[in-house]
Amino acid sequence: ISLALTAAETGHLVLATLHTGNAIRTVDRVVGAFPPNQQPQVRAMLSESLRAVVSQRLVNRADGKGRLPALEILLGSRAVANLIRESKSFQLRSLMQTAAEQGMALLDSSLAQLVRDGLVSREEALIHADDPKSIPAA
């Protein structure tokens, strides 16, 4: 992770995978990989170089013919950078909710759209949702 952050700071495109539940947990996982005394510096590095976090969950199709990705997208912006730098990642969810027009998306929004489109059953979406109230009735 340290090498990836250093490479990103010097302008290199870094793509990485982490096994986390959502985009916000990804940010916390990167920071949490370092000892507490290094975390403020890591937060600063991450806030300056982060361009996007895309989190996906593969959910079963309603027709039983495979799976579809439900996506959560966190885009690097000044507001996101400030929250990361100030150790306020708990506020990223509300920021992502209000920044849909900028391309950000919560997992629950993606699941709800898949249900509305008839591609995923409501029951399947509820299994994966962070907030079950956000999933519409079928």
Protein backbone atom coordinates (compact mmCIF):
# COMPACT_ATOMS: atom_id res chain seq x y z
CA ILE A 1 0.00 0.00 0.00
CA SER A 2 2.87 2.33 0.81
CA LEU A 3 4.44 1.74 -2.60
CA ALA A 4 1.09 2.30 -4.32
CA LEU A 5 0.58 5.62 -2.51
CA THR A 6 4.09 6.76 -3.39
CA ALA A 7 3.61 5.82 -7.05
CA ALA A 8 0.25 7.64 -7.17
CA GLU A 9 1.83 10.76 -5.65
CA THR A 10 4.39 10.83 -8.45
CA GLY A 11 1.69 10.76 -11.12
CA HIS A 12 1.49 7.05 -11.88
CA LEU A 13 -1.87 5.43 -12.45
CA VAL A 14 -2.34 2.83 -9.74
CA LEU A 15 -5.12 0.27 -9.88
CA ALA A 16 -5.54 -2.00 -6.90
CA THR A 17 -8.06 -4.40 -5.44
CA LEU A 18 -9.09 -4.78 -1.82
CA HIS A 19 -11.71 -7.02 -0.28
CA THR A 20 -13.94 -4.56 1.53
CA GLY A 21 -17.69 -4.15 1.85
CA ASN A 22 -17.94 -0.72 0.26
CA ALA A 23 -15.99 2.30 -0.96
CA ILE A 24 -15.84 3.97 2.45
CA ARG A 25 -14.42 0.85 4.08
CA THR A 26 -11.79 0.80 1.34
CA VAL A 27 -10.56 4.24 2.40
CA ASP A 28 -10.52 3.13 6.03
CA ARG A 29 -8.69 -0.11 5.16
CA VAL A 30 -5.92 1.76 3.33
CA VAL A 31 -5.42 4.16 6.24
CA GLY A 32 -5.79 1.40 8.83
CA ALA A 33 -2.98 -0.62 7.25
CA PHE A 34 -0.52 1.83 8.81
CA PRO A 35 0.42 2.41 12.45
CA PRO A 36 -1.51 5.24 14.19
CA ASN A 37 1.46 7.61 14.16
CA GLN A 38 1.66 7.38 10.33
CA GLN A 39 -2.06 7.65 9.62
CA PRO A 40 -2.28 11.46 9.38
CA GLN A 41 0.44 11.43 6.71
CA VAL A 42 -1.26 8.54 4.88
CA ARG A 43 -4.58 10.40 4.97
CA ALA A 44 -2.89 13.43 3.42
CA MET A 45 -1.24 11.30 0.71
CA LEU A 46 -4.47 9.46 -0.06
CA SER A 47 -6.55 12.64 -0.14
CA GLU A 48 -4.23 14.18 -2.73
CA SER A 49 -3.93 11.19 -5.05
CA LEU A 50 -7.29 9.38 -4.85
CA ARG A 51 -9.26 9.63 -8.08
CA ALA A 52 -11.93 6.98 -7.55
CA VAL A 53 -12.98 3.94 -5.57
CA VAL A 54 -15.33 1.53 -7.28
CA SER A 55 -16.82 -1.16 -5.09
CA GLN A 56 -18.93 -3.95 -6.53
CA ARG A 57 -21.08 -6.79 -5.33
CA LEU A 58 -22.21 -9.47 -7.71
CA VAL A 59 -25.90 -10.15 -7.19
CA ASN A 60 -28.03 -12.94 -8.63
CA ARG A 61 -30.19 -12.01 -11.61
CA ALA A 62 -33.94 -12.31 -11.19
CA ASP A 63 -34.11 -14.65 -14.19
CA GLY A 64 -31.52 -16.99 -12.62
CA LYS A 65 -29.13 -16.56 -15.56
CA GLY A 66 -25.99 -15.41 -13.83
CA ARG A 67 -25.10 -12.35 -11.80
CA LEU A 68 -24.90 -8.60 -12.26
CA PRO A 69 -22.66 -6.03 -10.57
CA ALA A 70 -24.18 -3.57 -8.12
CA LEU A 71 -21.72 -0.68 -7.94
CA GLU A 72 -20.73 1.93 -5.41
CA ILE A 73 -18.66 4.81 -6.76
CA LEU A 74 -16.67 7.32 -4.72
CA LEU A 75 -14.95 9.96 -6.84
CA GLY A 76 -12.05 12.04 -5.64
CA SER A 77 -13.15 15.64 -5.19
CA ARG A 78 -12.13 18.49 -2.93
CA ALA A 79 -14.90 17.61 -0.50
CA VAL A 80 -13.88 13.94 -0.44
CA ALA A 81 -10.22 14.90 0.01
CA ASN A 82 -11.09 17.16 2.94
CA LEU A 83 -13.09 14.44 4.69
CA ILE A 84 -10.31 11.89 4.22
CA ARG A 85 -7.63 14.31 5.40
CA GLU A 86 -9.69 15.33 8.45
CA SER A 87 -10.42 11.69 9.40
CA LYS A 88 -14.15 12.10 8.77
CA SER A 89 -14.77 9.14 6.48
CA PHE A 90 -18.04 8.51 8.34
CA GLN A 91 -19.39 11.57 6.48
CA LEU A 92 -18.53 10.21 3.03
CA ARG A 93 -21.85 8.33 2.74
CA SER A 94 -23.95 11.49 2.96
CA LEU A 95 -21.60 13.26 0.55
CA MET A 96 -21.99 10.41 -1.93
CA GLN A 97 -25.78 10.63 -1.64
CA THR A 98 -25.79 14.30 -2.56
CA ALA A 99 -23.19 13.98 -5.34
CA ALA A 100 -25.04 11.61 -7.65
CA GLU A 101 -25.05 14.22 -10.42
CA GLN A 102 -21.24 14.21 -10.24
CA GLY A 103 -21.14 10.46 -10.85
CA MET A 104 -21.01 9.15 -7.29
CA ALA A 105 -23.32 6.33 -6.32
CA LEU A 106 -24.15 4.35 -3.23
CA LEU A 107 -24.48 0.59 -3.42
CA ASP A 108 -28.09 0.86 -2.27
CA SER A 109 -28.92 3.20 -5.17
CA SER A 110 -27.45 0.73 -7.63
CA LEU A 111 -29.39 -2.14 -6.05
CA ALA A 112 -32.61 -0.09 -6.11
CA GLN A 113 -32.14 0.66 -9.82
CA LEU A 114 -31.56 -3.02 -10.58
CA VAL A 115 -34.82 -3.85 -8.76
CA ARG A 116 -36.74 -1.08 -10.59
CA ASP A 117 -35.40 -2.41 -13.91
CA GLY A 118 -36.58 -5.92 -13.00
CA LEU A 119 -33.08 -7.33 -13.28
CA VAL A 120 -32.73 -8.30 -9.61
CA SER A 121 -35.39 -9.43 -7.16
CA ARG A 122 -36.14 -7.28 -4.14
CA GLU A 123 -35.23 -10.20 -1.87
CA GLU A 124 -31.78 -10.50 -3.47
CA ALA A 125 -31.22 -6.75 -3.19
CA LEU A 126 -32.18 -6.79 0.49
CA ILE A 127 -29.49 -9.39 1.19
CA HIS A 128 -26.82 -6.97 -0.05
CA ALA A 129 -28.26 -3.59 0.96
CA ASP A 130 -26.70 -1.45 3.65
CA ASP A 131 -30.07 0.26 4.22
CA PRO A 132 -32.99 -2.06 3.42
CA LYS A 133 -35.43 0.91 3.41
CA SER A 134 -33.78 2.19 0.24
CA ILE A 135 -34.86 -0.84 -1.78
CA PRO A 136 -38.25 -0.30 -3.48
CA ALA A 137 -41.06 -2.81 -3.41
CA ALA A 138 -40.99 -4.96 -6.54
